């Protein structure tokens, strides 16, 4: 009977350790993708126009400027933060950026959001591609995009 009681206690301890390990594993984000998620951008030559909110940008130099901000001056943007939303949650001063390409027969261009999120001690700026990824940007990059929107103060 003493052996049976010790066995139950040992089994209970082992089971609790396994459950606690799984819980800690989940909380630390170990299930996150270890492969960086790249922001999908079309070829610059294929871009017909870009809308930032209600402003249509068609000038080549302006499209190139916006494209360079989004694509990090040709280096590309990567993240490990996946996006699970249609629209960024808890975001302020959101800019909707719609990229229309000339080879897009479906009428569905690429939508990217640029926005600010207030933290405890500072503001952070991001790009979010719905159901793809959330990418860090600088305040300067955000402001470069915001200058093309009509209603930003």
N, C-alpha and C. Protein backbone atom coordinates (compact mmCIF):
# COMPACT_ATOMS: atom_id res chain seq x y z
N UNK A 1 0.80 -1.18 0.00
CA UNK A 1 0.00 0.00 0.00
C UNK A 1 0.86 1.26 0.00
N UNK A 2 1.96 1.26 0.72
CA UNK A 2 2.88 2.40 0.75
C UNK A 2 3.50 2.58 -0.63
N UNK A 3 3.84 1.50 -1.29
CA UNK A 3 4.44 1.57 -2.64
C UNK A 3 3.43 2.17 -3.61
N UNK A 4 2.17 1.78 -3.54
CA UNK A 4 1.12 2.28 -4.40
C UNK A 4 0.92 3.78 -4.18
N UNK A 5 0.98 4.23 -2.94
CA UNK A 5 0.83 5.65 -2.63
C UNK A 5 2.02 6.45 -3.17
N UNK A 6 3.25 5.92 -3.03
CA UNK A 6 4.44 6.60 -3.57
C UNK A 6 4.37 6.67 -5.09
N UNK A 7 3.87 5.63 -5.73
CA UNK A 7 3.73 5.60 -7.18
C UNK A 7 2.75 6.67 -7.65
N UNK A 8 1.63 6.82 -6.95
CA UNK A 8 0.65 7.84 -7.30
C UNK A 8 1.24 9.24 -7.15
N UNK A 9 1.98 9.46 -6.08
CA UNK A 9 2.61 10.77 -5.86
C UNK A 9 3.64 11.05 -6.95
N UNK A 10 4.46 10.08 -7.28
CA UNK A 10 5.46 10.25 -8.34
C UNK A 10 4.80 10.54 -9.68
N UNK A 11 3.75 9.79 -9.99
CA UNK A 11 3.03 10.00 -11.24
C UNK A 11 2.43 11.41 -11.29
N UNK A 12 1.85 11.85 -10.18
CA UNK A 12 1.24 13.18 -10.09
C UNK A 12 2.30 14.27 -10.29
N UNK A 13 3.46 14.11 -9.69
CA UNK A 13 4.54 15.09 -9.83
C UNK A 13 5.02 15.15 -11.27
N UNK A 14 5.22 14.01 -11.89
CA UNK A 14 5.69 13.96 -13.28
C UNK A 14 4.65 14.59 -14.21
N UNK A 15 3.38 14.28 -14.00
CA UNK A 15 2.32 14.85 -14.83
C UNK A 15 2.27 16.37 -14.67
N UNK A 16 2.39 16.87 -13.46
CA UNK A 16 2.40 18.32 -13.23
C UNK A 16 3.60 18.99 -13.88
N UNK A 17 4.75 18.37 -13.84
CA UNK A 17 5.96 18.92 -14.49
C UNK A 17 5.75 19.00 -16.00
N UNK A 18 5.16 17.96 -16.59
CA UNK A 18 4.91 17.96 -18.04
C UNK A 18 3.93 19.06 -18.41
N UNK A 19 2.84 19.19 -17.67
CA UNK A 19 1.84 20.24 -17.95
C UNK A 19 2.45 21.62 -17.79
N UNK A 20 3.20 21.83 -16.73
CA UNK A 20 3.86 23.11 -16.51
C UNK A 20 4.87 23.43 -17.62
N UNK A 21 5.60 22.44 -18.07
CA UNK A 21 6.58 22.64 -19.16
C UNK A 21 5.88 23.06 -20.44
N UNK A 22 4.77 22.41 -20.76
CA UNK A 22 4.02 22.77 -21.97
C UNK A 22 3.49 24.19 -21.85
N UNK A 23 2.97 24.55 -20.69
CA UNK A 23 2.45 25.89 -20.45
C UNK A 23 3.55 26.94 -20.62
N UNK A 24 4.70 26.72 -20.05
CA UNK A 24 5.83 27.65 -20.17
C UNK A 24 6.29 27.73 -21.62
N UNK A 25 6.33 26.60 -22.29
CA UNK A 25 6.73 26.54 -23.70
C UNK A 25 5.81 27.42 -24.54
N UNK A 26 4.51 27.34 -24.29
CA UNK A 26 3.54 28.15 -25.03
C UNK A 26 3.68 29.63 -24.71
N UNK A 27 3.87 29.98 -23.45
CA UNK A 27 3.98 31.38 -23.04
C UNK A 27 5.22 32.07 -23.58
N UNK A 28 6.28 31.34 -23.74
CA UNK A 28 7.53 31.96 -24.20
C UNK A 28 7.57 32.10 -25.71
N UNK A 29 6.53 31.65 -26.40
CA UNK A 29 6.48 31.83 -27.84
C UNK A 29 7.34 30.86 -28.61
N UNK A 30 7.60 29.74 -28.04
CA UNK A 30 8.44 28.77 -28.73
C UNK A 30 7.75 28.16 -29.93
N UNK A 31 6.44 28.38 -30.04
CA UNK A 31 5.73 27.87 -31.20
C UNK A 31 5.71 28.88 -32.34
N UNK A 32 6.34 30.04 -32.15
CA UNK A 32 6.42 31.04 -33.20
C UNK A 32 7.24 30.51 -34.36
N UNK A 33 6.95 31.01 -35.51
CA UNK A 33 7.71 30.62 -36.68
C UNK A 33 9.16 31.08 -36.53
N UNK A 34 10.06 30.17 -36.71
CA UNK A 34 11.47 30.55 -36.64
C UNK A 34 11.95 31.09 -37.99
N UNK A 35 11.16 30.87 -39.02
CA UNK A 35 11.48 31.38 -40.34
C UNK A 35 10.96 32.80 -40.47
N UNK A 36 11.80 33.75 -40.81
CA UNK A 36 11.33 35.14 -40.95
C UNK A 36 10.27 35.25 -42.05
N UNK A 37 9.28 36.08 -41.80
CA UNK A 37 8.20 36.33 -42.74
C UNK A 37 8.55 37.59 -43.51
N UNK A 38 8.64 37.48 -44.81
CA UNK A 38 9.01 38.63 -45.64
C UNK A 38 7.77 39.38 -46.10
N UNK A 39 7.84 40.70 -46.07
CA UNK A 39 6.76 41.53 -46.57
C UNK A 39 6.72 41.37 -48.09
N UNK A 40 5.58 40.90 -48.59
CA UNK A 40 5.45 40.73 -50.03
C UNK A 40 5.25 42.08 -50.70
N UNK A 41 6.08 42.35 -51.68
CA UNK A 41 5.96 43.57 -52.47
C UNK A 41 6.07 43.19 -53.94
N UNK A 42 5.25 43.79 -54.79
CA UNK A 42 5.36 43.53 -56.23
C UNK A 42 6.62 44.20 -56.78
N UNK A 43 6.95 43.90 -58.02
CA UNK A 43 8.05 44.60 -58.68
C UNK A 43 7.65 46.07 -58.87
N UNK A 44 8.58 46.95 -58.64
CA UNK A 44 8.31 48.38 -58.78
C UNK A 44 7.78 48.71 -60.17
N UNK A 45 8.28 48.05 -61.18
CA UNK A 45 7.86 48.32 -62.56
C UNK A 45 6.39 47.97 -62.79
N UNK A 46 5.83 47.08 -61.96
CA UNK A 46 4.43 46.65 -62.12
C UNK A 46 3.43 47.53 -61.39
N UNK A 47 3.91 48.47 -60.58
CA UNK A 47 3.01 49.31 -59.79
C UNK A 47 2.42 50.41 -60.66
N UNK A 48 1.08 50.44 -60.76
CA UNK A 48 0.40 51.49 -61.51
C UNK A 48 0.19 52.73 -60.67
N UNK A 49 -0.36 52.53 -59.47
CA UNK A 49 -0.58 53.62 -58.56
C UNK A 49 -0.65 53.09 -57.14
N UNK A 50 -0.55 54.01 -56.20
CA UNK A 50 -0.63 53.67 -54.78
C UNK A 50 -1.61 54.64 -54.14
N UNK A 51 -2.53 54.08 -53.38
CA UNK A 51 -3.45 54.91 -52.60
C UNK A 51 -2.99 54.88 -51.15
N UNK A 52 -2.88 56.06 -50.56
CA UNK A 52 -2.68 56.17 -49.11
C UNK A 52 -3.91 56.89 -48.61
N UNK A 53 -4.74 56.15 -47.89
CA UNK A 53 -6.08 56.58 -47.52
C UNK A 53 -6.81 56.94 -48.82
N UNK A 54 -7.26 58.17 -49.00
CA UNK A 54 -8.01 58.53 -50.21
C UNK A 54 -7.16 59.24 -51.26
N UNK A 55 -5.87 59.33 -51.02
CA UNK A 55 -4.98 60.03 -51.94
C UNK A 55 -4.37 59.05 -52.93
N UNK A 56 -4.56 59.32 -54.22
CA UNK A 56 -3.99 58.46 -55.27
C UNK A 56 -2.65 59.05 -55.72
N UNK A 57 -1.63 58.22 -55.65
CA UNK A 57 -0.29 58.64 -56.06
C UNK A 57 0.03 57.95 -57.37
N UNK A 58 0.32 58.75 -58.40
CA UNK A 58 0.63 58.19 -59.72
C UNK A 58 2.00 58.61 -60.24
N UNK A 59 2.58 59.64 -59.64
CA UNK A 59 3.90 60.11 -60.08
C UNK A 59 4.95 59.05 -59.78
N UNK A 60 5.78 58.74 -60.77
CA UNK A 60 6.79 57.68 -60.62
C UNK A 60 7.75 57.92 -59.46
N UNK A 61 8.21 59.16 -59.30
CA UNK A 61 9.16 59.43 -58.22
C UNK A 61 8.51 59.27 -56.84
N UNK A 62 7.22 59.63 -56.74
CA UNK A 62 6.52 59.47 -55.47
C UNK A 62 6.25 57.99 -55.18
N UNK A 63 5.87 57.23 -56.20
CA UNK A 63 5.67 55.79 -56.04
C UNK A 63 6.96 55.13 -55.61
N UNK A 64 8.07 55.54 -56.23
CA UNK A 64 9.37 54.97 -55.86
C UNK A 64 9.74 55.33 -54.42
N UNK A 65 9.45 56.55 -54.00
CA UNK A 65 9.73 56.96 -52.62
C UNK A 65 8.93 56.11 -51.62
N UNK A 66 7.64 55.93 -51.89
CA UNK A 66 6.78 55.12 -51.01
C UNK A 66 7.26 53.67 -51.03
N UNK A 67 7.55 53.16 -52.20
CA UNK A 67 8.01 51.78 -52.35
C UNK A 67 9.29 51.56 -51.55
N UNK A 68 10.21 52.52 -51.60
CA UNK A 68 11.47 52.40 -50.86
C UNK A 68 11.25 52.39 -49.35
N UNK A 69 10.29 53.17 -48.88
CA UNK A 69 9.99 53.14 -47.45
C UNK A 69 9.41 51.77 -47.07
N UNK A 70 8.45 51.29 -47.86
CA UNK A 70 7.82 50.01 -47.56
C UNK A 70 8.80 48.86 -47.65
N UNK A 71 9.65 48.89 -48.65
CA UNK A 71 10.56 47.78 -48.91
C UNK A 71 11.95 48.02 -48.33
N UNK A 72 12.05 48.99 -47.43
CA UNK A 72 13.29 49.24 -46.69
C UNK A 72 14.46 49.49 -47.63
N UNK A 73 14.25 50.42 -48.56
CA UNK A 73 15.28 50.81 -49.55
C UNK A 73 15.84 49.62 -50.31
N UNK A 74 14.97 48.68 -50.69
CA UNK A 74 15.37 47.54 -51.50
C UNK A 74 15.93 46.36 -50.73
N UNK A 75 16.11 46.51 -49.41
CA UNK A 75 16.65 45.42 -48.61
C UNK A 75 15.58 44.42 -48.21
N UNK A 76 14.33 44.81 -48.30
CA UNK A 76 13.23 43.96 -47.88
C UNK A 76 12.98 44.07 -46.38
N UNK A 77 11.80 43.69 -45.96
CA UNK A 77 11.44 43.70 -44.53
C UNK A 77 11.07 42.29 -44.12
N UNK A 78 11.59 41.90 -42.98
CA UNK A 78 11.24 40.59 -42.44
C UNK A 78 10.83 40.75 -40.97
N UNK A 79 10.06 39.77 -40.50
CA UNK A 79 9.60 39.76 -39.13
C UNK A 79 9.35 38.32 -38.71
N UNK A 80 9.21 38.12 -37.43
CA UNK A 80 8.77 36.83 -36.90
C UNK A 80 7.38 36.97 -36.28
N UNK A 81 6.80 38.17 -36.39
CA UNK A 81 5.47 38.44 -35.83
C UNK A 81 4.41 38.25 -36.90
N UNK A 82 3.62 37.21 -36.76
CA UNK A 82 2.56 36.96 -37.72
C UNK A 82 1.38 37.87 -37.46
N UNK A 83 0.63 38.15 -38.51
CA UNK A 83 -0.59 38.94 -38.40
C UNK A 83 -1.78 37.99 -38.53
N UNK A 84 -2.73 38.14 -37.63
CA UNK A 84 -3.94 37.31 -37.64
C UNK A 84 -5.19 38.16 -37.83
N UNK A 85 -5.03 39.36 -38.40
CA UNK A 85 -6.12 40.32 -38.44
C UNK A 85 -6.32 40.89 -39.84
N UNK A 86 -7.57 41.37 -40.08
CA UNK A 86 -7.87 42.14 -41.29
C UNK A 86 -7.36 43.57 -41.14
N UNK A 87 -7.38 44.03 -39.90
CA UNK A 87 -7.06 45.42 -39.58
C UNK A 87 -6.26 45.41 -38.28
N UNK A 88 -5.22 46.23 -38.18
CA UNK A 88 -4.38 46.18 -36.97
C UNK A 88 -5.14 46.57 -35.70
N UNK A 89 -5.12 45.74 -34.67
CA UNK A 89 -5.81 46.07 -33.42
C UNK A 89 -5.02 47.07 -32.59
N UNK A 90 -5.72 47.82 -31.77
CA UNK A 90 -5.11 48.80 -30.85
C UNK A 90 -4.18 49.77 -31.56
N UNK A 91 -4.55 50.15 -32.77
CA UNK A 91 -3.70 51.03 -33.57
C UNK A 91 -4.26 52.45 -33.59
N UNK A 92 -3.38 53.41 -33.70
CA UNK A 92 -3.77 54.82 -33.83
C UNK A 92 -3.12 55.39 -35.09
N UNK A 93 -3.75 56.43 -35.62
CA UNK A 93 -3.24 57.12 -36.83
C UNK A 93 -2.94 56.12 -37.94
N UNK A 94 -3.92 55.30 -38.26
CA UNK A 94 -3.74 54.23 -39.25
C UNK A 94 -3.79 54.81 -40.66
N UNK A 95 -2.81 54.43 -41.46
CA UNK A 95 -2.78 54.76 -42.89
C UNK A 95 -3.04 53.48 -43.66
N UNK A 96 -4.04 53.50 -44.55
CA UNK A 96 -4.28 52.34 -45.40
C UNK A 96 -3.54 52.57 -46.71
N UNK A 97 -2.62 51.68 -47.02
CA UNK A 97 -1.82 51.79 -48.23
C UNK A 97 -2.26 50.67 -49.17
N UNK A 98 -2.74 51.05 -50.34
CA UNK A 98 -3.22 50.08 -51.33
C UNK A 98 -2.34 50.20 -52.57
N UNK A 99 -1.70 49.11 -52.94
CA UNK A 99 -0.80 49.10 -54.10
C UNK A 99 -1.51 48.39 -55.25
N UNK A 100 -1.73 49.12 -56.31
CA UNK A 100 -2.41 48.60 -57.49
C UNK A 100 -1.36 48.29 -58.56
N UNK A 101 -1.36 47.08 -59.06
CA UNK A 101 -0.38 46.69 -60.08
C UNK A 101 -1.06 46.50 -61.42
N UNK A 102 -0.29 46.64 -62.49
CA UNK A 102 -0.85 46.52 -63.83
C UNK A 102 -1.06 45.06 -64.25
N UNK A 103 -0.52 44.12 -63.52
CA UNK A 103 -0.73 42.71 -63.88
C UNK A 103 -1.74 42.03 -62.95
N UNK A 104 -2.50 42.84 -62.22
CA UNK A 104 -3.49 42.32 -61.29
C UNK A 104 -4.85 42.28 -61.96
N UNK A 105 -5.22 41.14 -62.49
CA UNK A 105 -6.48 40.99 -63.22
C UNK A 105 -7.68 40.88 -62.28
N UNK A 106 -7.45 40.49 -61.05
CA UNK A 106 -8.56 40.26 -60.11
C UNK A 106 -9.09 41.54 -59.49
N UNK A 107 -8.36 42.62 -59.57
CA UNK A 107 -8.78 43.85 -58.93
C UNK A 107 -8.42 43.89 -57.45
N UNK A 108 -7.71 42.89 -57.00
CA UNK A 108 -7.28 42.84 -55.60
C UNK A 108 -5.80 43.17 -55.53
N UNK A 109 -5.51 44.40 -55.21
CA UNK A 109 -4.13 44.80 -55.05
C UNK A 109 -3.61 44.37 -53.69
N UNK A 110 -2.57 45.00 -53.25
CA UNK A 110 -1.95 44.67 -51.97
C UNK A 110 -2.30 45.77 -50.98
N UNK A 111 -2.79 45.38 -49.82
CA UNK A 111 -3.11 46.33 -48.77
C UNK A 111 -2.13 46.16 -47.63
N UNK A 112 -1.57 47.28 -47.20
CA UNK A 112 -0.64 47.31 -46.07
C UNK A 112 -1.09 48.48 -45.18
N UNK A 113 -1.04 48.30 -43.89
CA UNK A 113 -1.38 49.37 -42.96
C UNK A 113 -0.11 49.87 -42.28
N UNK A 114 0.00 51.19 -42.17
CA UNK A 114 1.06 51.81 -41.38
C UNK A 114 0.35 52.46 -40.20
N UNK A 115 0.90 52.29 -38.99
CA UNK A 115 0.20 52.81 -37.83
C UNK A 115 1.14 52.99 -36.65
N UNK A 116 0.59 53.66 -35.64
CA UNK A 116 1.31 53.90 -34.39
C UNK A 116 0.58 53.14 -33.30
N UNK A 117 1.34 52.65 -32.34
CA UNK A 117 0.77 52.01 -31.16
C UNK A 117 1.49 52.58 -29.95
N UNK A 118 0.71 53.08 -28.99
CA UNK A 118 1.30 53.65 -27.79
C UNK A 118 1.60 52.55 -26.79
N UNK A 119 2.81 52.60 -26.26
CA UNK A 119 3.22 51.66 -25.23
C UNK A 119 3.25 52.35 -23.88
N UNK A 120 3.84 51.69 -22.92
CA UNK A 120 3.93 52.26 -21.58
C UNK A 120 4.75 53.55 -21.56
N UNK A 121 5.85 53.56 -22.26
CA UNK A 121 6.73 54.72 -22.16
C UNK A 121 7.03 55.38 -23.50
N UNK A 122 6.59 54.76 -24.59
CA UNK A 122 6.92 55.36 -25.89
C UNK A 122 5.90 54.92 -26.93
N UNK A 123 6.05 55.48 -28.10
CA UNK A 123 5.22 55.13 -29.24
C UNK A 123 6.04 54.24 -30.17
N UNK A 124 5.39 53.25 -30.75
CA UNK A 124 6.04 52.37 -31.71
C UNK A 124 5.28 52.44 -33.02
N UNK A 125 6.00 52.25 -34.12
CA UNK A 125 5.40 52.36 -35.44
C UNK A 125 5.57 51.03 -36.18
N UNK A 126 4.54 50.69 -36.97
CA UNK A 126 4.53 49.39 -37.62
C UNK A 126 3.92 49.47 -39.00
N UNK A 127 4.27 48.47 -39.81
CA UNK A 127 3.54 48.14 -41.02
C UNK A 127 2.90 46.79 -40.75
N UNK A 128 1.67 46.62 -41.20
CA UNK A 128 1.04 45.31 -41.05
C UNK A 128 0.39 44.91 -42.36
N UNK A 129 0.76 43.73 -42.82
CA UNK A 129 0.16 43.13 -44.00
C UNK A 129 -0.82 42.09 -43.48
N UNK A 130 -2.14 42.30 -43.68
CA UNK A 130 -3.12 41.40 -43.09
C UNK A 130 -2.85 39.92 -43.38
N UNK A 131 -2.92 39.13 -42.33
CA UNK A 131 -2.71 37.68 -42.37
C UNK A 131 -1.32 37.29 -42.88
N UNK A 132 -0.40 38.21 -42.79
CA UNK A 132 0.97 37.94 -43.19
C UNK A 132 1.89 38.25 -42.01
N UNK A 133 2.23 39.53 -41.81
CA UNK A 133 3.15 39.86 -40.74
C UNK A 133 3.01 41.31 -40.29
N UNK A 134 3.58 41.59 -39.12
CA UNK A 134 3.66 42.95 -38.59
C UNK A 134 5.13 43.31 -38.51
N UNK A 135 5.49 44.44 -39.09
CA UNK A 135 6.89 44.83 -39.28
C UNK A 135 7.17 46.15 -38.57
N UNK A 136 8.28 46.23 -37.88
CA UNK A 136 8.70 47.47 -37.21
C UNK A 136 9.15 48.48 -38.25
N UNK A 137 8.74 49.74 -38.05
CA UNK A 137 9.27 50.84 -38.85
C UNK A 137 9.61 51.97 -37.88
N UNK A 138 10.34 52.93 -38.38
CA UNK A 138 10.71 54.08 -37.56
C UNK A 138 9.62 55.16 -37.68
N UNK A 139 9.66 56.11 -36.77
CA UNK A 139 8.75 57.25 -36.84
C UNK A 139 9.00 58.04 -38.12
N UNK A 140 10.25 58.14 -38.50
CA UNK A 140 10.61 58.86 -39.74
C UNK A 140 10.00 58.18 -40.96
N UNK A 141 10.05 56.84 -41.00
CA UNK A 141 9.44 56.12 -42.13
C UNK A 141 7.93 56.32 -42.15
N UNK A 142 7.31 56.27 -40.97
CA UNK A 142 5.86 56.50 -40.88
C UNK A 142 5.53 57.90 -41.41
N UNK A 143 6.28 58.90 -41.00
CA UNK A 143 6.02 60.28 -41.42
C UNK A 143 6.22 60.46 -42.92
N UNK A 144 7.16 59.73 -43.51
CA UNK A 144 7.34 59.79 -44.97
C UNK A 144 6.09 59.29 -45.69
N UNK A 145 5.46 58.25 -45.13
CA UNK A 145 4.22 57.74 -45.73
C UNK A 145 3.05 58.68 -45.45
N UNK A 146 3.00 59.22 -44.24
CA UNK A 146 1.88 60.07 -43.83
C UNK A 146 1.81 61.37 -44.63
N UNK A 147 2.93 61.84 -45.15
CA UNK A 147 2.90 63.12 -45.88
C UNK A 147 2.07 63.01 -47.16
N UNK A 148 1.82 61.79 -47.63
CA UNK A 148 1.03 61.61 -48.85
C UNK A 148 -0.48 61.53 -48.55
N UNK A 149 -0.86 61.35 -47.31
CA UNK A 149 -2.27 61.26 -46.95
C UNK A 149 -2.84 62.66 -46.75
N UNK A 150 -4.04 62.91 -47.23
CA UNK A 150 -4.65 64.24 -47.13
C UNK A 150 -5.02 64.62 -45.71
N UNK A 151 -5.57 63.70 -44.95
CA UNK A 151 -6.21 64.06 -43.70
C UNK A 151 -5.31 63.92 -42.48
N UNK A 152 -4.03 63.66 -42.64
CA UNK A 152 -3.13 63.56 -41.50
C UNK A 152 -2.72 64.96 -41.08
N UNK A 153 -2.79 65.22 -39.81
CA UNK A 153 -2.45 66.57 -39.31
C UNK A 153 -1.01 66.62 -38.90
